[in-house]
Amino acid sequence: VRTSQDRKVYYLAKRSLFRPPLGWLLRWLGGYPVDRSGNQGLVDSIVDMFGRRKEFAIAIAPEATRRRVDHLRSGFYYIAKNGRIPIQLSGLDFGSKTVFIQTPYLAEGTFDQEEEKIRKFWGSMKGYHPEKGFG
């Protein structure tokens, strides 16, 4: 997605990944370390990042984990809603070896409505490890 749209996209990852020896590499690749323990004001901090930069985009995995989940975490929704920041869904279908990138849109509905849109978007895609996919 980063190179196909000719823009720099950053990503968020848990703080513990940014320790030596690979921390410098993750930052160089556009990573921002985040503390996911407790309420740290992360949503407001990210909305503020968007407000301070002319061009800024981040990639967020709304599952927030590598294991199977039935429901998404809501942080991405509140970042998009509070900051009036467009959501652009993307997905990798390993069955057809295809990348899907949706046109950006603003979150207008509730979190449950947005989760349903994502469920429909990803619904027909086969993951690399389907047993770990969003269910």
N, C-alpha and C. Protein backbone atom coordinates (compact mmCIF):
# COMPACT_ATOMS: atom_id res chain seq x y z
N VAL A 1 0.84 -1.18 0.00
CA VAL A 1 0.00 0.00 0.00
C VAL A 1 0.88 1.24 0.00
N ARG A 2 1.99 1.20 0.71
CA ARG A 2 2.85 2.39 0.82
C ARG A 2 3.36 2.83 -0.54
N THR A 3 3.94 1.94 -1.30
CA THR A 3 4.53 2.34 -2.57
C THR A 3 3.52 2.45 -3.68
N SER A 4 2.45 1.67 -3.63
CA SER A 4 1.46 1.72 -4.70
C SER A 4 0.74 3.06 -4.73
N GLN A 5 0.69 3.76 -3.60
CA GLN A 5 0.02 5.05 -3.54
C GLN A 5 1.01 6.20 -3.43
N ASP A 6 2.28 5.91 -3.56
CA ASP A 6 3.35 6.91 -3.55
C ASP A 6 3.24 7.86 -2.36
N ARG A 7 3.10 7.28 -1.17
CA ARG A 7 3.07 8.09 0.04
C ARG A 7 3.69 7.31 1.18
N LYS A 8 4.19 8.04 2.14
CA LYS A 8 4.79 7.42 3.32
C LYS A 8 3.69 7.10 4.31
N VAL A 9 3.58 5.84 4.68
CA VAL A 9 2.59 5.40 5.65
C VAL A 9 3.33 4.88 6.87
N TYR A 10 2.94 5.35 8.03
CA TYR A 10 3.54 4.92 9.28
C TYR A 10 2.69 3.81 9.88
N TYR A 11 3.17 3.17 10.93
CA TYR A 11 2.40 2.14 11.60
C TYR A 11 2.66 2.20 13.09
N LEU A 12 1.72 1.66 13.84
CA LEU A 12 1.84 1.59 15.28
C LEU A 12 2.14 0.16 15.68
N ALA A 13 3.01 0.00 16.67
CA ALA A 13 3.33 -1.33 17.17
C ALA A 13 3.62 -1.22 18.67
N LYS A 14 3.46 -2.33 19.36
CA LYS A 14 3.68 -2.28 20.81
C LYS A 14 5.12 -1.91 21.14
N ARG A 15 5.25 -1.13 22.18
CA ARG A 15 6.52 -0.54 22.58
C ARG A 15 7.63 -1.57 22.75
N SER A 16 7.32 -2.75 23.26
CA SER A 16 8.35 -3.74 23.53
C SER A 16 9.10 -4.18 22.27
N LEU A 17 8.50 -4.02 21.10
CA LEU A 17 9.18 -4.41 19.85
C LEU A 17 10.30 -3.44 19.47
N PHE A 18 10.31 -2.25 20.07
CA PHE A 18 11.26 -1.22 19.67
C PHE A 18 12.54 -1.21 20.50
N ARG A 19 12.74 -2.25 21.28
CA ARG A 19 13.99 -2.39 22.04
C ARG A 19 15.08 -2.93 21.12
N PRO A 20 16.35 -2.76 21.51
CA PRO A 20 17.44 -3.34 20.73
C PRO A 20 17.27 -4.85 20.63
N PRO A 21 17.69 -5.47 19.57
CA PRO A 21 18.52 -4.92 18.51
C PRO A 21 17.73 -4.35 17.32
N LEU A 22 16.41 -4.53 17.24
CA LEU A 22 15.68 -4.13 16.04
C LEU A 22 14.91 -2.82 16.15
N GLY A 23 14.93 -2.18 17.29
CA GLY A 23 14.15 -0.97 17.49
C GLY A 23 14.44 0.12 16.46
N TRP A 24 15.72 0.34 16.16
CA TRP A 24 16.09 1.38 15.19
C TRP A 24 15.52 1.08 13.81
N LEU A 25 15.51 -0.20 13.44
CA LEU A 25 15.00 -0.59 12.13
C LEU A 25 13.49 -0.35 12.04
N LEU A 26 12.77 -0.72 13.08
CA LEU A 26 11.32 -0.52 13.08
C LEU A 26 10.97 0.97 12.98
N ARG A 27 11.73 1.81 13.67
CA ARG A 27 11.50 3.27 13.56
C ARG A 27 11.83 3.76 12.15
N TRP A 28 12.92 3.28 11.59
CA TRP A 28 13.32 3.69 10.24
C TRP A 28 12.26 3.30 9.22
N LEU A 29 11.58 2.18 9.46
CA LEU A 29 10.53 1.71 8.57
C LEU A 29 9.18 2.40 8.81
N GLY A 30 9.18 3.41 9.68
CA GLY A 30 7.97 4.18 9.91
C GLY A 30 7.19 3.80 11.15
N GLY A 31 7.79 3.04 12.04
CA GLY A 31 7.09 2.57 13.22
C GLY A 31 7.03 3.61 14.34
N TYR A 32 5.91 3.63 15.01
CA TYR A 32 5.71 4.44 16.21
C TYR A 32 5.40 3.49 17.36
N PRO A 33 6.23 3.49 18.41
CA PRO A 33 5.95 2.61 19.54
C PRO A 33 4.77 3.14 20.37
N VAL A 34 3.89 2.24 20.80
CA VAL A 34 2.76 2.63 21.64
C VAL A 34 2.68 1.73 22.86
N ASP A 35 2.23 2.33 23.95
CA ASP A 35 2.01 1.60 25.19
C ASP A 35 0.54 1.25 25.25
N ARG A 36 0.22 -0.05 25.16
CA ARG A 36 -1.18 -0.48 25.12
C ARG A 36 -1.71 -0.86 26.50
N SER A 37 -0.93 -0.63 27.54
CA SER A 37 -1.39 -0.99 28.89
C SER A 37 -2.16 0.19 29.48
N GLY A 38 -3.42 -0.02 29.72
CA GLY A 38 -4.24 1.01 30.34
C GLY A 38 -4.59 2.15 29.40
N ASN A 39 -5.25 3.15 29.94
CA ASN A 39 -5.68 4.30 29.17
C ASN A 39 -4.58 5.35 29.18
N GLN A 40 -3.85 5.46 28.10
CA GLN A 40 -2.71 6.37 28.00
C GLN A 40 -3.02 7.58 27.11
N GLY A 41 -4.26 7.76 26.69
CA GLY A 41 -4.59 8.88 25.81
C GLY A 41 -4.07 8.67 24.40
N LEU A 42 -3.93 7.42 23.99
CA LEU A 42 -3.34 7.11 22.69
C LEU A 42 -4.17 7.67 21.54
N VAL A 43 -5.49 7.54 21.63
CA VAL A 43 -6.35 8.04 20.54
C VAL A 43 -6.13 9.54 20.35
N ASP A 44 -6.15 10.29 21.43
CA ASP A 44 -5.95 11.74 21.33
C ASP A 44 -4.56 12.08 20.81
N SER A 45 -3.55 11.31 21.21
CA SER A 45 -2.18 11.55 20.73
C SER A 45 -2.08 11.35 19.23
N ILE A 46 -2.74 10.33 18.73
CA ILE A 46 -2.69 10.05 17.29
C ILE A 46 -3.48 11.09 16.52
N VAL A 47 -4.64 11.49 17.02
CA VAL A 47 -5.41 12.55 16.37
C VAL A 47 -4.55 13.81 16.30
N ASP A 48 -3.81 14.10 17.37
CA ASP A 48 -2.92 15.26 17.41
C ASP A 48 -1.80 15.14 16.37
N MET A 49 -1.26 13.93 16.18
CA MET A 49 -0.22 13.72 15.16
C MET A 49 -0.75 14.13 13.78
N PHE A 50 -1.98 13.75 13.49
CA PHE A 50 -2.57 14.11 12.20
C PHE A 50 -2.74 15.62 12.10
N GLY A 51 -3.11 16.27 13.19
CA GLY A 51 -3.31 17.72 13.18
C GLY A 51 -2.04 18.51 13.00
N ARG A 52 -0.90 17.97 13.42
CA ARG A 52 0.38 18.68 13.34
C ARG A 52 1.10 18.49 12.01
N ARG A 53 0.67 17.57 11.19
CA ARG A 53 1.38 17.28 9.95
C ARG A 53 0.49 17.56 8.74
N LYS A 54 1.13 18.07 7.69
CA LYS A 54 0.39 18.33 6.46
C LYS A 54 -0.04 17.02 5.81
N GLU A 55 0.87 16.08 5.75
CA GLU A 55 0.57 14.75 5.21
C GLU A 55 0.98 13.72 6.24
N PHE A 56 0.03 12.87 6.58
CA PHE A 56 0.31 11.84 7.57
C PHE A 56 -0.68 10.70 7.38
N ALA A 57 -0.20 9.49 7.40
CA ALA A 57 -1.05 8.31 7.30
C ALA A 57 -0.43 7.21 8.15
N ILE A 58 -1.28 6.44 8.81
CA ILE A 58 -0.79 5.30 9.58
C ILE A 58 -1.57 4.06 9.19
N ALA A 59 -0.92 2.94 9.34
CA ALA A 59 -1.57 1.65 9.12
C ALA A 59 -1.85 1.04 10.49
N ILE A 60 -3.09 0.63 10.69
CA ILE A 60 -3.49 0.02 11.96
C ILE A 60 -4.18 -1.30 11.66
N ALA A 61 -3.75 -2.35 12.33
CA ALA A 61 -4.46 -3.62 12.25
C ALA A 61 -5.53 -3.58 13.35
N PRO A 62 -6.80 -3.43 12.99
CA PRO A 62 -7.81 -3.27 14.03
C PRO A 62 -8.03 -4.50 14.89
N GLU A 63 -7.44 -5.64 14.53
CA GLU A 63 -7.53 -6.81 15.40
C GLU A 63 -6.58 -6.63 16.59
N ALA A 64 -5.50 -5.88 16.38
CA ALA A 64 -4.50 -5.56 17.40
C ALA A 64 -3.78 -6.78 17.95
N THR A 65 -3.73 -7.86 17.19
CA THR A 65 -3.05 -9.07 17.64
C THR A 65 -2.83 -10.00 16.45
N ARG A 66 -2.05 -11.05 16.66
CA ARG A 66 -1.83 -12.03 15.60
C ARG A 66 -2.66 -13.29 15.82
N ARG A 67 -3.43 -13.33 16.90
CA ARG A 67 -4.27 -14.51 17.14
C ARG A 67 -5.70 -14.23 16.67
N ARG A 68 -6.47 -15.27 16.57
CA ARG A 68 -7.85 -15.15 16.10
C ARG A 68 -8.68 -14.30 17.05
N VAL A 69 -9.48 -13.40 16.49
CA VAL A 69 -10.40 -12.58 17.27
C VAL A 69 -11.77 -12.59 16.60
N ASP A 70 -12.81 -12.40 17.40
CA ASP A 70 -14.15 -12.32 16.86
C ASP A 70 -14.63 -10.88 16.72
N HIS A 71 -14.00 -9.96 17.48
CA HIS A 71 -14.38 -8.56 17.44
C HIS A 71 -13.13 -7.70 17.33
N LEU A 72 -13.26 -6.57 16.66
CA LEU A 72 -12.14 -5.66 16.48
C LEU A 72 -11.97 -4.77 17.69
N ARG A 73 -10.76 -4.26 17.88
CA ARG A 73 -10.51 -3.22 18.87
C ARG A 73 -11.08 -1.92 18.29
N SER A 74 -11.48 -1.01 19.12
CA SER A 74 -12.18 0.19 18.65
C SER A 74 -11.30 1.40 18.45
N GLY A 75 -10.02 1.34 18.80
CA GLY A 75 -9.15 2.51 18.71
C GLY A 75 -9.12 3.14 17.33
N PHE A 76 -9.00 2.34 16.28
CA PHE A 76 -8.94 2.88 14.92
C PHE A 76 -10.18 3.72 14.62
N TYR A 77 -11.35 3.25 15.12
CA TYR A 77 -12.61 3.94 14.86
C TYR A 77 -12.60 5.32 15.52
N TYR A 78 -12.19 5.38 16.77
CA TYR A 78 -12.20 6.66 17.49
C TYR A 78 -11.15 7.62 16.96
N ILE A 79 -10.04 7.11 16.47
CA ILE A 79 -9.05 7.97 15.82
C ILE A 79 -9.67 8.60 14.58
N ALA A 80 -10.29 7.77 13.76
CA ALA A 80 -10.91 8.25 12.52
C ALA A 80 -12.08 9.20 12.81
N LYS A 81 -12.92 8.84 13.74
CA LYS A 81 -14.12 9.63 14.05
C LYS A 81 -13.74 10.96 14.70
N ASN A 82 -12.90 10.93 15.74
CA ASN A 82 -12.54 12.15 16.46
C ASN A 82 -11.73 13.12 15.63
N GLY A 83 -10.90 12.60 14.74
CA GLY A 83 -10.05 13.45 13.93
C GLY A 83 -10.59 13.74 12.54
N ARG A 84 -11.78 13.18 12.22
CA ARG A 84 -12.32 13.30 10.86
C ARG A 84 -11.25 12.86 9.85
N ILE A 85 -10.66 11.70 10.13
CA ILE A 85 -9.59 11.12 9.34
C ILE A 85 -10.16 9.98 8.52
N PRO A 86 -9.94 9.98 7.21
CA PRO A 86 -10.49 8.90 6.37
C PRO A 86 -9.91 7.53 6.73
N ILE A 87 -10.76 6.52 6.60
CA ILE A 87 -10.37 5.12 6.75
C ILE A 87 -10.18 4.56 5.35
N GLN A 88 -9.09 3.84 5.14
CA GLN A 88 -8.88 3.17 3.86
C GLN A 88 -8.57 1.71 4.16
N LEU A 89 -9.51 0.85 3.85
CA LEU A 89 -9.34 -0.58 4.10
C LEU A 89 -8.45 -1.21 3.04
N SER A 90 -7.63 -2.14 3.48
CA SER A 90 -6.82 -2.91 2.54
C SER A 90 -6.78 -4.34 3.05
N GLY A 91 -6.52 -5.26 2.15
CA GLY A 91 -6.45 -6.66 2.54
C GLY A 91 -5.65 -7.47 1.54
N LEU A 92 -5.09 -8.55 2.04
CA LEU A 92 -4.33 -9.48 1.21
C LEU A 92 -5.10 -10.78 1.13
N ASP A 93 -5.44 -11.19 -0.08
CA ASP A 93 -6.11 -12.47 -0.27
C ASP A 93 -5.06 -13.46 -0.75
N PHE A 94 -4.64 -14.33 0.16
CA PHE A 94 -3.59 -15.29 -0.19
C PHE A 94 -4.12 -16.40 -1.08
N GLY A 95 -5.45 -16.57 -1.13
CA GLY A 95 -6.04 -17.57 -2.02
C GLY A 95 -5.85 -17.19 -3.47
N SER A 96 -6.12 -15.92 -3.79
CA SER A 96 -5.99 -15.45 -5.18
C SER A 96 -4.72 -14.65 -5.41
N LYS A 97 -3.93 -14.47 -4.35
CA LYS A 97 -2.69 -13.68 -4.41
C LYS A 97 -2.98 -12.27 -4.94
N THR A 98 -3.98 -11.64 -4.32
CA THR A 98 -4.43 -10.32 -4.74
C THR A 98 -4.43 -9.37 -3.55
N VAL A 99 -4.07 -8.13 -3.80
CA VAL A 99 -4.14 -7.07 -2.80
C VAL A 99 -5.36 -6.22 -3.13
N PHE A 100 -6.19 -5.95 -2.14
CA PHE A 100 -7.37 -5.11 -2.32
C PHE A 100 -7.19 -3.82 -1.53
N ILE A 101 -7.44 -2.69 -2.17
CA ILE A 101 -7.34 -1.39 -1.52
C ILE A 101 -8.62 -0.63 -1.82
N GLN A 102 -9.33 -0.26 -0.77
CA GLN A 102 -10.60 0.43 -0.91
C GLN A 102 -10.38 1.95 -0.97
N THR A 103 -11.30 2.66 -1.60
CA THR A 103 -11.28 4.11 -1.62
C THR A 103 -11.48 4.63 -0.19
N PRO A 104 -10.70 5.63 0.21
CA PRO A 104 -10.86 6.17 1.58
C PRO A 104 -12.26 6.73 1.80
N TYR A 105 -12.74 6.62 3.03
CA TYR A 105 -14.06 7.15 3.39
C TYR A 105 -14.03 7.61 4.85
N LEU A 106 -14.92 8.50 5.21
CA LEU A 106 -15.04 8.96 6.59
C LEU A 106 -16.01 8.07 7.36
N ALA A 107 -15.68 7.78 8.59
CA ALA A 107 -16.55 6.98 9.45
C ALA A 107 -17.76 7.83 9.83
N GLU A 108 -18.90 7.44 9.36
CA GLU A 108 -20.13 8.19 9.65
C GLU A 108 -21.03 7.45 10.63
N GLY A 109 -20.87 6.16 10.72
CA GLY A 109 -21.76 5.36 11.57
C GLY A 109 -21.16 5.07 12.93
N THR A 110 -21.77 4.12 13.60
CA THR A 110 -21.29 3.67 14.90
C THR A 110 -20.12 2.70 14.72
N PHE A 111 -19.48 2.37 15.82
CA PHE A 111 -18.39 1.39 15.75
C PHE A 111 -18.90 0.06 15.21
N ASP A 112 -20.06 -0.38 15.67
CA ASP A 112 -20.62 -1.66 15.20
C ASP A 112 -20.85 -1.64 13.69
N GLN A 113 -21.31 -0.51 13.15
CA GLN A 113 -21.52 -0.40 11.71
C GLN A 113 -20.20 -0.45 10.95
N GLU A 114 -19.17 0.19 11.49
CA GLU A 114 -17.85 0.15 10.85
C GLU A 114 -17.26 -1.25 10.90
N GLU A 115 -17.44 -1.93 12.04
CA GLU A 115 -16.94 -3.30 12.16
C GLU A 115 -17.62 -4.20 11.12
N GLU A 116 -18.89 -3.99 10.88
CA GLU A 116 -19.61 -4.79 9.89
C GLU A 116 -19.09 -4.51 8.47
N LYS A 117 -18.77 -3.26 8.16
CA LYS A 117 -18.18 -2.92 6.85
C LYS A 117 -16.86 -3.67 6.65
N ILE A 118 -16.05 -3.70 7.71
CA ILE A 118 -14.76 -4.38 7.63
C ILE A 118 -14.97 -5.89 7.49
N ARG A 119 -15.91 -6.42 8.23
CA ARG A 119 -16.22 -7.85 8.14
C ARG A 119 -16.61 -8.22 6.70
N LYS A 120 -17.43 -7.39 6.07
CA LYS A 120 -17.84 -7.64 4.69
C LYS A 120 -16.67 -7.50 3.72
N PHE A 121 -15.82 -6.48 3.94
CA PHE A 121 -14.67 -6.26 3.06
C PHE A 121 -13.71 -7.43 3.11
N TRP A 122 -13.37 -7.89 4.31
CA TRP A 122 -12.42 -8.99 4.48
C TRP A 122 -13.07 -10.36 4.30
N GLY A 123 -14.41 -10.42 4.28
CA GLY A 123 -15.14 -11.68 4.33
C GLY A 123 -14.75 -12.73 3.31
N SER A 124 -14.48 -12.33 2.09
CA SER A 124 -14.19 -13.32 1.06
C SER A 124 -12.69 -13.59 0.89
N MET A 125 -11.85 -12.88 1.64
CA MET A 125 -10.40 -13.04 1.50
C MET A 125 -9.90 -14.20 2.35
N LYS A 126 -8.94 -14.92 1.80
CA LYS A 126 -8.33 -16.03 2.53
C LYS A 126 -6.98 -15.56 3.07
N GLY A 127 -6.81 -15.66 4.37
CA GLY A 127 -5.57 -15.25 5.01
C GLY A 127 -4.46 -16.27 4.85
N TYR A 128 -3.25 -15.86 5.14
CA TYR A 128 -2.10 -16.76 5.08
C TYR A 128 -2.28 -17.88 6.10
N HIS A 129 -2.80 -17.53 7.27
CA HIS A 129 -3.17 -18.50 8.30
C HIS A 129 -4.66 -18.31 8.57
N PRO A 130 -5.53 -18.90 7.76
CA PRO A 130 -6.98 -18.67 7.89
C PRO A 130 -7.52 -18.95 9.30
N GLU A 131 -6.92 -19.89 10.00
CA GLU A 131 -7.40 -20.24 11.34
C GLU A 131 -7.16 -19.10 12.34
N LYS A 132 -6.30 -18.15 11.99
CA LYS A 132 -6.02 -17.02 12.86
C LYS A 132 -6.75 -15.75 12.41
N GLY A 133 -7.56 -15.87 11.38
CA GLY A 133 -8.21 -14.69 10.80
C GLY A 133 -9.33 -14.13 11.63
N PHE A 134 -9.73 -12.94 11.27
CA PHE A 134 -10.83 -12.24 11.92
C PHE A 134 -12.10 -13.02 11.65
N GLY A 135 -12.75 -13.46 12.73
CA GLY A 135 -13.83 -14.39 12.56
C GLY A 135 -15.18 -13.89 12.80
